[in-house]
Amino acid sequence: MAFAAALTAVLLVGLAAGVVLAQDTFLNGKVRTGDSVTVPGSETVDGDVYLFGGTATMDGTVTGDLVAFAGQVQVNGTVKGD
């Protein structure tokens, strides 16, 4: 379990350093990067979601935790975790 947490932390730091202008998704949509990152209102993500960008908007539903690293974060949807 500790190895998985450490690997996830390394992956997240690497992705945060590589934020680009277009939105990219990794790990089946669980990690999203870009200048403007959005989880649309019609989308439900099972598990945790990690957003990295200048602006992060969460309009959909996340069944786990939402972690956002952005200049501006807006949560309009439902987060069932922390």
PDB file of N, CA and C in Angstrom:
ATOM      1  N   MET A   1       0.819  -1.190   0.000  1.00  0.00           N
ATOM      2  CA  MET A   1       0.000   0.000   0.000  1.00  0.00           C
ATOM      3  C   MET A   1       0.862   1.252   0.000  1.00  0.00           C
ATOM      4  N   ALA A   2       1.929   1.255   0.803  1.00  0.00           N
ATOM      5  CA  ALA A   2       2.812   2.418   0.857  1.00  0.00           C
ATOM      6  C   ALA A   2       3.508   2.633  -0.480  1.00  0.00           C
ATOM      7  N   PHE A   3       3.850   1.534  -1.163  1.00  0.00           N
ATOM      8  CA  PHE A   3       4.481   1.656  -2.471  1.00  0.00           C
ATOM      9  C   PHE A   3       3.536   2.308  -3.471  1.00  0.00           C
ATOM     10  N   ALA A   4       2.268   1.887  -3.454  1.00  0.00           N
ATOM     11  CA  ALA A   4       1.276   2.466  -4.368  1.00  0.00           C
ATOM     12  C   ALA A   4       1.081   3.953  -4.091  1.00  0.00           C
ATOM     13  N   ALA A   5       1.062   4.338  -2.821  1.00  0.00           N
ATOM     14  CA  ALA A   5       0.905   5.748  -2.469  1.00  0.00           C
ATOM     15  C   ALA A   5       2.113   6.552  -2.925  1.00  0.00           C
ATOM     16  N   ALA A   6       3.313   6.004  -2.753  1.00  0.00           N
ATOM     17  CA  ALA A   6       4.533   6.697  -3.181  1.00  0.00           C
ATOM     18  C   ALA A   6       4.568   6.823  -4.701  1.00  0.00           C
ATOM     19  N   LEU A   7       4.188   5.766  -5.401  1.00  0.00           N
ATOM     20  CA  LEU A   7       4.156   5.802  -6.858  1.00  0.00           C
ATOM     21  C   LEU A   7       3.148   6.830  -7.358  1.00  0.00           C
ATOM     22  N   THR A   8       1.989   6.882  -6.725  1.00  0.00           N
ATOM     23  CA  THR A   8       0.974   7.865  -7.094  1.00  0.00           C
ATOM     24  C   THR A   8       1.483   9.282  -6.866  1.00  0.00           C
ATOM     25  N   ALA A   9       2.159   9.522  -5.751  1.00  0.00           N
ATOM     26  CA  ALA A   9       2.697  10.853  -5.457  1.00  0.00           C
ATOM     27  C   ALA A   9       3.719  11.269  -6.499  1.00  0.00           C
ATOM     28  N   VAL A  10       4.608  10.356  -6.892  1.00  0.00           N
ATOM     29  CA  VAL A  10       5.616  10.661  -7.916  1.00  0.00           C
ATOM     30  C   VAL A  10       4.944  10.971  -9.246  1.00  0.00           C
ATOM     31  N   LEU A  11       3.954  10.178  -9.607  1.00  0.00           N
ATOM     32  CA  LEU A  11       3.218  10.411 -10.850  1.00  0.00           C
ATOM     33  C   LEU A  11       2.534  11.774 -10.843  1.00  0.00           C
ATOM     34  N   LEU A  12       1.902  12.124  -9.744  1.00  0.00           N
ATOM     35  CA  LEU A  12       1.190  13.397  -9.657  1.00  0.00           C
ATOM     36  C   LEU A  12       2.133  14.583  -9.735  1.00  0.00           C
ATOM     37  N   VAL A  13       3.282  14.493  -9.099  1.00  0.00           N
ATOM     38  CA  VAL A  13       4.262  15.578  -9.167  1.00  0.00           C
ATOM     39  C   VAL A  13       4.764  15.740 -10.599  1.00  0.00           C
ATOM     40  N   GLY A  14       5.027  14.624 -11.258  1.00  0.00           N
ATOM     41  CA  GLY A  14       5.482  14.682 -12.652  1.00  0.00           C
ATOM     42  C   GLY A  14       4.447  15.287 -13.575  1.00  0.00           C
ATOM     43  N   LEU A  15       3.196  14.937 -13.377  1.00  0.00           N
ATOM     44  CA  LEU A  15       2.132  15.500 -14.205  1.00  0.00           C
ATOM     45  C   LEU A  15       1.922  16.981 -13.931  1.00  0.00           C
ATOM     46  N   ALA A  16       2.036  17.387 -12.677  1.00  0.00           N
ATOM     47  CA  ALA A  16       1.864  18.796 -12.328  1.00  0.00           C
ATOM     48  C   ALA A  16       2.940  19.642 -13.001  1.00  0.00           C
ATOM     49  N   ALA A  17       4.133  19.106 -13.124  1.00  0.00           N
ATOM     50  CA  ALA A  17       5.223  19.846 -13.762  1.00  0.00           C
ATOM     51  C   ALA A  17       5.027  19.953 -15.265  1.00  0.00           C
ATOM     52  N   GLY A  18       4.230  19.060 -15.846  1.00  0.00           N
ATOM     53  CA  GLY A  18       4.056  19.045 -17.292  1.00  0.00           C
ATOM     54  C   GLY A  18       2.712  19.555 -17.762  1.00  0.00           C
ATOM     55  N   VAL A  19       2.092  20.470 -17.065  1.00  0.00           N
ATOM     56  CA  VAL A  19       0.803  21.016 -17.476  1.00  0.00           C
ATOM     57  C   VAL A  19       0.966  21.733 -18.816  1.00  0.00           C
ATOM     58  N   VAL A  20       0.093  21.409 -19.753  1.00  0.00           N
ATOM     59  CA  VAL A  20       0.143  21.991 -21.095  1.00  0.00           C
ATOM     60  C   VAL A  20      -1.161  22.713 -21.386  1.00  0.00           C
ATOM     61  N   LEU A  21      -1.244  23.352 -22.553  1.00  0.00           N
ATOM     62  CA  LEU A  21      -2.416  24.157 -22.881  1.00  0.00           C
ATOM     63  C   LEU A  21      -3.665  23.332 -23.161  1.00  0.00           C
ATOM     64  N   ALA A  22      -3.546  22.198 -23.809  1.00  0.00           N
ATOM     65  CA  ALA A  22      -4.707  21.365 -24.092  1.00  0.00           C
ATOM     66  C   ALA A  22      -4.961  20.417 -22.929  1.00  0.00           C
ATOM     67  N   GLN A  23      -6.218  20.057 -22.723  1.00  0.00           N
ATOM     68  CA  GLN A  23      -6.528  19.132 -21.630  1.00  0.00           C
ATOM     69  C   GLN A  23      -6.113  17.728 -22.030  1.00  0.00           C
ATOM     70  N   ASP A  24      -5.371  17.069 -21.167  1.00  0.00           N
ATOM     71  CA  ASP A  24      -4.982  15.677 -21.348  1.00  0.00           C
ATOM     72  C   ASP A  24      -5.566  14.866 -20.204  1.00  0.00           C
ATOM     73  N   THR A  25      -5.861  13.607 -20.475  1.00  0.00           N
ATOM     74  CA  THR A  25      -6.352  12.728 -19.420  1.00  0.00           C
ATOM     75  C   THR A  25      -5.464  11.495 -19.355  1.00  0.00           C
ATOM     76  N   PHE A  26      -5.262  11.008 -18.147  1.00  0.00           N
ATOM     77  CA  PHE A  26      -4.448   9.831 -17.905  1.00  0.00           C
ATOM     78  C   PHE A  26      -5.189   8.919 -16.944  1.00  0.00           C
ATOM     79  N   LEU A  27      -4.805   7.652 -16.918  1.00  0.00           N
ATOM     80  CA  LEU A  27      -5.369   6.675 -15.982  1.00  0.00           C
ATOM     81  C   LEU A  27      -6.892   6.625 -16.070  1.00  0.00           C
ATOM     82  N   ASN A  28      -7.396   6.488 -17.301  1.00  0.00           N
ATOM     83  CA  ASN A  28      -8.841   6.390 -17.558  1.00  0.00           C
ATOM     84  C   ASN A  28      -9.621   7.595 -17.040  1.00  0.00           C
ATOM     85  N   GLY A  29      -9.064   8.781 -17.197  1.00  0.00           N
ATOM     86  CA  GLY A  29      -9.762  10.004 -16.810  1.00  0.00           C
ATOM     87  C   GLY A  29      -9.615  10.390 -15.360  1.00  0.00           C
ATOM     88  N   LYS A  30      -8.844   9.629 -14.596  1.00  0.00           N
ATOM     89  CA  LYS A  30      -8.684   9.931 -13.173  1.00  0.00           C
ATOM     90  C   LYS A  30      -7.696  11.070 -12.944  1.00  0.00           C
ATOM     91  N   VAL A  31      -6.786  11.311 -13.882  1.00  0.00           N
ATOM     92  CA  VAL A  31      -5.833  12.417 -13.809  1.00  0.00           C
ATOM     93  C   VAL A  31      -6.021  13.264 -15.058  1.00  0.00           C
ATOM     94  N   ARG A  32      -6.234  14.558 -14.863  1.00  0.00           N
ATOM     95  CA  ARG A  32      -6.467  15.479 -15.991  1.00  0.00           C
ATOM     96  C   ARG A  32      -5.576  16.700 -15.827  1.00  0.00           C
ATOM     97  N   THR A  33      -4.939  17.105 -16.918  1.00  0.00           N
ATOM     98  CA  THR A  33      -4.053  18.256 -16.884  1.00  0.00           C
ATOM     99  C   THR A  33      -4.390  19.199 -18.029  1.00  0.00           C
ATOM    100  N   GLY A  34      -4.025  20.463 -17.876  1.00  0.00           N
ATOM    101  CA  GLY A  34      -4.205  21.428 -18.947  1.00  0.00           C
ATOM    102  C   GLY A  34      -4.423  22.825 -18.415  1.00  0.00           C
ATOM    103  N   ASP A  35      -4.486  23.783 -19.323  1.00  0.00           N
ATOM    104  CA  ASP A  35      -4.722  25.169 -18.934  1.00  0.00           C
ATOM    105  C   ASP A  35      -6.100  25.318 -18.297  1.00  0.00           C
ATOM    106  N   SER A  36      -7.093  24.670 -18.900  1.00  0.00           N
ATOM    107  CA  SER A  36      -8.454  24.674 -18.379  1.00  0.00           C
ATOM    108  C   SER A  36      -8.923  23.223 -18.324  1.00  0.00           C
ATOM    109  N   VAL A  37      -9.151  22.710 -17.131  1.00  0.00           N
ATOM    110  CA  VAL A  37      -9.492  21.304 -16.937  1.00  0.00           C
ATOM    111  C   VAL A  37     -10.930  21.217 -16.426  1.00  0.00           C
ATOM    112  N   THR A  38     -11.742  20.352 -17.063  1.00  0.00           N
ATOM    113  CA  THR A  38     -13.152  20.263 -16.705  1.00  0.00           C
ATOM    114  C   THR A  38     -13.596  18.811 -16.599  1.00  0.00           C
ATOM    115  N   VAL A  39     -14.404  18.524 -15.594  1.00  0.00           N
ATOM    116  CA  VAL A  39     -15.166  17.277 -15.525  1.00  0.00           C
ATOM    117  C   VAL A  39     -16.599  17.691 -15.832  1.00  0.00           C
ATOM    118  N   PRO A  40     -17.114  17.326 -17.017  1.00  0.00           N
ATOM    119  CA  PRO A  40     -18.440  17.796 -17.426  1.00  0.00           C
ATOM    120  C   PRO A  40     -19.559  17.277 -16.521  1.00  0.00           C
ATOM    121  N   GLY A  41     -20.672  17.999 -16.509  1.00  0.00           N
ATOM    122  CA  GLY A  41     -21.809  17.654 -15.674  1.00  0.00           C
ATOM    123  C   GLY A  41     -22.415  16.307 -15.998  1.00  0.00           C
ATOM    124  N   SER A  42     -22.235  15.833 -17.212  1.00  0.00           N
ATOM    125  CA  SER A  42     -22.807  14.548 -17.620  1.00  0.00           C
ATOM    126  C   SER A  42     -21.928  13.361 -17.232  1.00  0.00           C
ATOM    127  N   GLU A  43     -20.772  13.629 -16.619  1.00  0.00           N
ATOM    128  CA  GLU A  43     -19.807  12.566 -16.333  1.00  0.00           C
ATOM    129  C   GLU A  43     -19.779  12.177 -14.855  1.00  0.00           C
ATOM    130  N   THR A  44     -19.707  10.869 -14.607  1.00  0.00           N
ATOM    131  CA  THR A  44     -19.484  10.335 -13.267  1.00  0.00           C
ATOM    132  C   THR A  44     -18.174   9.569 -13.296  1.00  0.00           C
ATOM    133  N   VAL A  45     -17.255   9.935 -12.416  1.00  0.00           N
ATOM    134  CA  VAL A  45     -15.958   9.267 -12.337  1.00  0.00           C
ATOM    135  C   VAL A  45     -15.960   8.385 -11.098  1.00  0.00           C
ATOM    136  N   ASP A  46     -15.745   7.089 -11.285  1.00  0.00           N
ATOM    137  CA  ASP A  46     -15.683   6.155 -10.163  1.00  0.00           C
ATOM    138  C   ASP A  46     -14.295   6.231  -9.536  1.00  0.00           C
ATOM    139  N   GLY A  47     -14.235   6.551  -8.267  1.00  0.00           N
ATOM    140  CA  GLY A  47     -12.957   6.644  -7.560  1.00  0.00           C
ATOM    141  C   GLY A  47     -12.491   8.080  -7.459  1.00  0.00           C
ATOM    142  N   ASP A  48     -11.187   8.243  -7.239  1.00  0.00           N
ATOM    143  CA  ASP A  48     -10.586   9.558  -7.028  1.00  0.00           C
ATOM    144  C   ASP A  48     -10.274  10.247  -8.351  1.00  0.00           C
ATOM    145  N   VAL A  49     -10.246  11.588  -8.336  1.00  0.00           N
ATOM    146  CA  VAL A  49      -9.893  12.384  -9.508  1.00  0.00           C
ATOM    147  C   VAL A  49      -8.854  13.418  -9.088  1.00  0.00           C
ATOM    148  N   TYR A  50      -7.838  13.609  -9.947  1.00  0.00           N
ATOM    149  CA  TYR A  50      -6.769  14.579  -9.715  1.00  0.00           C
ATOM    150  C   TYR A  50      -6.757  15.556 -10.882  1.00  0.00           C
ATOM    151  N   LEU A  51      -6.954  16.849 -10.588  1.00  0.00           N
ATOM    152  CA  LEU A  51      -6.989  17.885 -11.611  1.00  0.00           C
ATOM    153  C   LEU A  51      -5.804  18.816 -11.435  1.00  0.00           C
ATOM    154  N   PHE A  52      -5.068  19.093 -12.528  1.00  0.00           N
ATOM    155  CA  PHE A  52      -3.924  20.006 -12.528  1.00  0.00           C
ATOM    156  C   PHE A  52      -4.131  21.007 -13.651  1.00  0.00           C
ATOM    157  N   GLY A  53      -4.185  22.311 -13.358  1.00  0.00           N
ATOM    158  CA  GLY A  53      -4.335  23.284 -14.429  1.00  0.00           C
ATOM    159  C   GLY A  53      -4.432  24.694 -13.918  1.00  0.00           C
ATOM    160  N   GLY A  54      -4.553  25.626 -14.856  1.00  0.00           N
ATOM    161  CA  GLY A  54      -4.744  27.013 -14.493  1.00  0.00           C
ATOM    162  C   GLY A  54      -6.113  27.225 -13.882  1.00  0.00           C
ATOM    163  N   THR A  55      -7.117  26.579 -14.503  1.00  0.00           N
ATOM    164  CA  THR A  55      -8.490  26.618 -14.008  1.00  0.00           C
ATOM    165  C   THR A  55      -9.021  25.192 -13.988  1.00  0.00           C
ATOM    166  N   ALA A  56      -9.598  24.773 -12.872  1.00  0.00           N
ATOM    167  CA  ALA A  56     -10.177  23.436 -12.750  1.00  0.00           C
ATOM    168  C   ALA A  56     -11.646  23.581 -12.385  1.00  0.00           C
ATOM    169  N   THR A  57     -12.519  22.993 -13.198  1.00  0.00           N
ATOM    170  CA  THR A  57     -13.961  23.057 -12.952  1.00  0.00           C
ATOM    171  C   THR A  57     -14.501  21.638 -12.858  1.00  0.00           C
ATOM    172  N   MET A  58     -15.189  21.344 -11.774  1.00  0.00           N
ATOM    173  CA  MET A  58     -15.754  20.022 -11.552  1.00  0.00           C
ATOM    174  C   MET A  58     -17.271  20.168 -11.522  1.00  0.00           C
ATOM    175  N   ASP A  59     -17.907  19.832 -12.648  1.00  0.00           N
ATOM    176  CA  ASP A  59     -19.364  19.929 -12.764  1.00  0.00           C
ATOM    177  C   ASP A  59     -20.043  18.577 -12.591  1.00  0.00           C
ATOM    178  N   GLY A  60     -19.308  17.507 -12.762  1.00  0.00           N
ATOM    179  CA  GLY A  60     -19.882  16.160 -12.719  1.00  0.00           C
ATOM    180  C   GLY A  60     -19.931  15.588 -11.321  1.00  0.00           C
ATOM    181  N   THR A  61     -19.852  14.246 -11.261  1.00  0.00           N
ATOM    182  CA  THR A  61     -19.889  13.517  -9.999  1.00  0.00           C
ATOM    183  C   THR A  61     -18.623  12.697  -9.854  1.00  0.00           C
ATOM    184  N   VAL A  62     -18.013  12.751  -8.668  1.00  0.00           N
ATOM    185  CA  VAL A  62     -16.842  11.952  -8.341  1.00  0.00           C
ATOM    186  C   VAL A  62     -17.230  11.086  -7.145  1.00  0.00           C
ATOM    187  N   THR A  63     -17.096   9.760  -7.285  1.00  0.00           N
ATOM    188  CA  THR A  63     -17.498   8.873  -6.194  1.00  0.00           C
ATOM    189  C   THR A  63     -16.426   8.787  -5.109  1.00  0.00           C
ATOM    190  N   GLY A  64     -15.210   9.236  -5.396  1.00  0.00           N
ATOM    191  CA  GLY A  64     -14.129   9.213  -4.410  1.00  0.00           C
ATOM    192  C   GLY A  64     -13.733  10.623  -4.019  1.00  0.00           C
ATOM    193  N   ASP A  65     -12.428  10.816  -3.843  1.00  0.00           N
ATOM    194  CA  ASP A  65     -11.892  12.120  -3.454  1.00  0.00           C
ATOM    195  C   ASP A  65     -11.602  12.966  -4.687  1.00  0.00           C
ATOM    196  N   LEU A  66     -11.645  14.283  -4.525  1.00  0.00           N
ATOM    197  CA  LEU A  66     -11.253  15.227  -5.555  1.00  0.00           C
ATOM    198  C   LEU A  66     -10.035  15.983  -5.045  1.00  0.00           C
ATOM    199  N   VAL A  67      -8.939  15.939  -5.825  1.00  0.00           N
ATOM    200  CA  VAL A  67      -7.724  16.675  -5.497  1.00  0.00           C
ATOM    201  C   VAL A  67      -7.443  17.599  -6.674  1.00  0.00           C
ATOM    202  N   ALA A  68      -7.376  18.909  -6.419  1.00  0.00           N
ATOM    203  CA  ALA A  68      -7.173  19.871  -7.499  1.00  0.00           C
ATOM    204  C   ALA A  68      -6.007  20.798  -7.172  1.00  0.00           C
ATOM    205  N   PHE A  69      -5.102  20.952  -8.135  1.00  0.00           N
ATOM    206  CA  PHE A  69      -3.989  21.892  -8.061  1.00  0.00           C
ATOM    207  C   PHE A  69      -4.194  22.870  -9.207  1.00  0.00           C
ATOM    208  N   ALA A  70      -4.657  24.085  -8.899  1.00  0.00           N
ATOM    209  CA  ALA A  70      -4.961  25.045  -9.953  1.00  0.00           C
ATOM    210  C   ALA A  70      -4.975  26.454  -9.380  1.00  0.00           C
ATOM    211  N   GLY A  71      -4.881  27.428 -10.269  1.00  0.00           N
ATOM    212  CA  GLY A  71      -4.988  28.814  -9.842  1.00  0.00           C
ATOM    213  C   GLY A  71      -6.389  29.137  -9.364  1.00  0.00           C
ATOM    214  N   GLN A  72      -7.371  28.514 -10.021  1.00  0.00           N
ATOM    215  CA  GLN A  72      -8.771  28.701  -9.636  1.00  0.00           C
ATOM    216  C   GLN A  72      -9.474  27.348  -9.701  1.00  0.00           C
ATOM    217  N   VAL A  73     -10.175  26.992  -8.641  1.00  0.00           N
ATOM    218  CA  VAL A  73     -10.902  25.726  -8.574  1.00  0.00           C
ATOM    219  C   VAL A  73     -12.370  26.031  -8.305  1.00  0.00           C
ATOM    220  N   GLN A  74     -13.239  25.450  -9.132  1.00  0.00           N
ATOM    221  CA  GLN A  74     -14.676  25.639  -8.955  1.00  0.00           C
ATOM    222  C   GLN A  74     -15.339  24.262  -8.917  1.00  0.00           C
ATOM    223  N   VAL A  75     -16.050  23.976  -7.829  1.00  0.00           N
ATOM    224  CA  VAL A  75     -16.746  22.692  -7.685  1.00  0.00           C
ATOM    225  C   VAL A  75     -18.248  22.973  -7.699  1.00  0.00           C
ATOM    226  N   ASN A  76     -18.889  22.568  -8.797  1.00  0.00           N
ATOM    227  CA  ASN A  76     -20.331  22.738  -8.948  1.00  0.00           C
ATOM    228  C   ASN A  76     -21.050  21.401  -8.842  1.00  0.00           C
ATOM    229  N   GLY A  77     -20.311  20.314  -8.962  1.00  0.00           N
ATOM    230  CA  GLY A  77     -20.902  18.985  -8.951  1.00  0.00           C
ATOM    231  C   GLY A  77     -20.872  18.352  -7.579  1.00  0.00           C
ATOM    232  N   THR A  78     -20.902  17.024  -7.581  1.00  0.00           N
ATOM    233  CA  THR A  78     -20.953  16.257  -6.340  1.00  0.00           C
ATOM    234  C   THR A  78     -19.668  15.481  -6.135  1.00  0.00           C
ATOM    235  N   VAL A  79     -19.090  15.603  -4.929  1.00  0.00           N
ATOM    236  CA  VAL A  79     -17.913  14.842  -4.539  1.00  0.00           C
ATOM    237  C   VAL A  79     -18.325  13.996  -3.341  1.00  0.00           C
ATOM    238  N   LYS A  80     -18.313  12.675  -3.516  1.00  0.00           N
ATOM    239  CA  LYS A  80     -18.794  11.791  -2.450  1.00  0.00           C
ATOM    240  C   LYS A  80     -17.695  11.395  -1.486  1.00  0.00           C
ATOM    241  N   GLY A  81     -16.433  11.675  -1.825  1.00  0.00           N
ATOM    242  CA  GLY A  81     -15.324  11.390  -0.911  1.00  0.00           C
ATOM    243  C   GLY A  81     -14.988  12.634  -0.127  1.00  0.00           C
ATOM    244  N   ASP A  82     -13.697  12.844   0.127  1.00  0.00           N
ATOM    245  CA  ASP A  82     -13.244  14.034   0.873  1.00  0.00           C
ATOM    246  C   ASP A  82     -13.017  15.210  -0.043  1.00  0.00           C
TER     247      ASP A  82
END
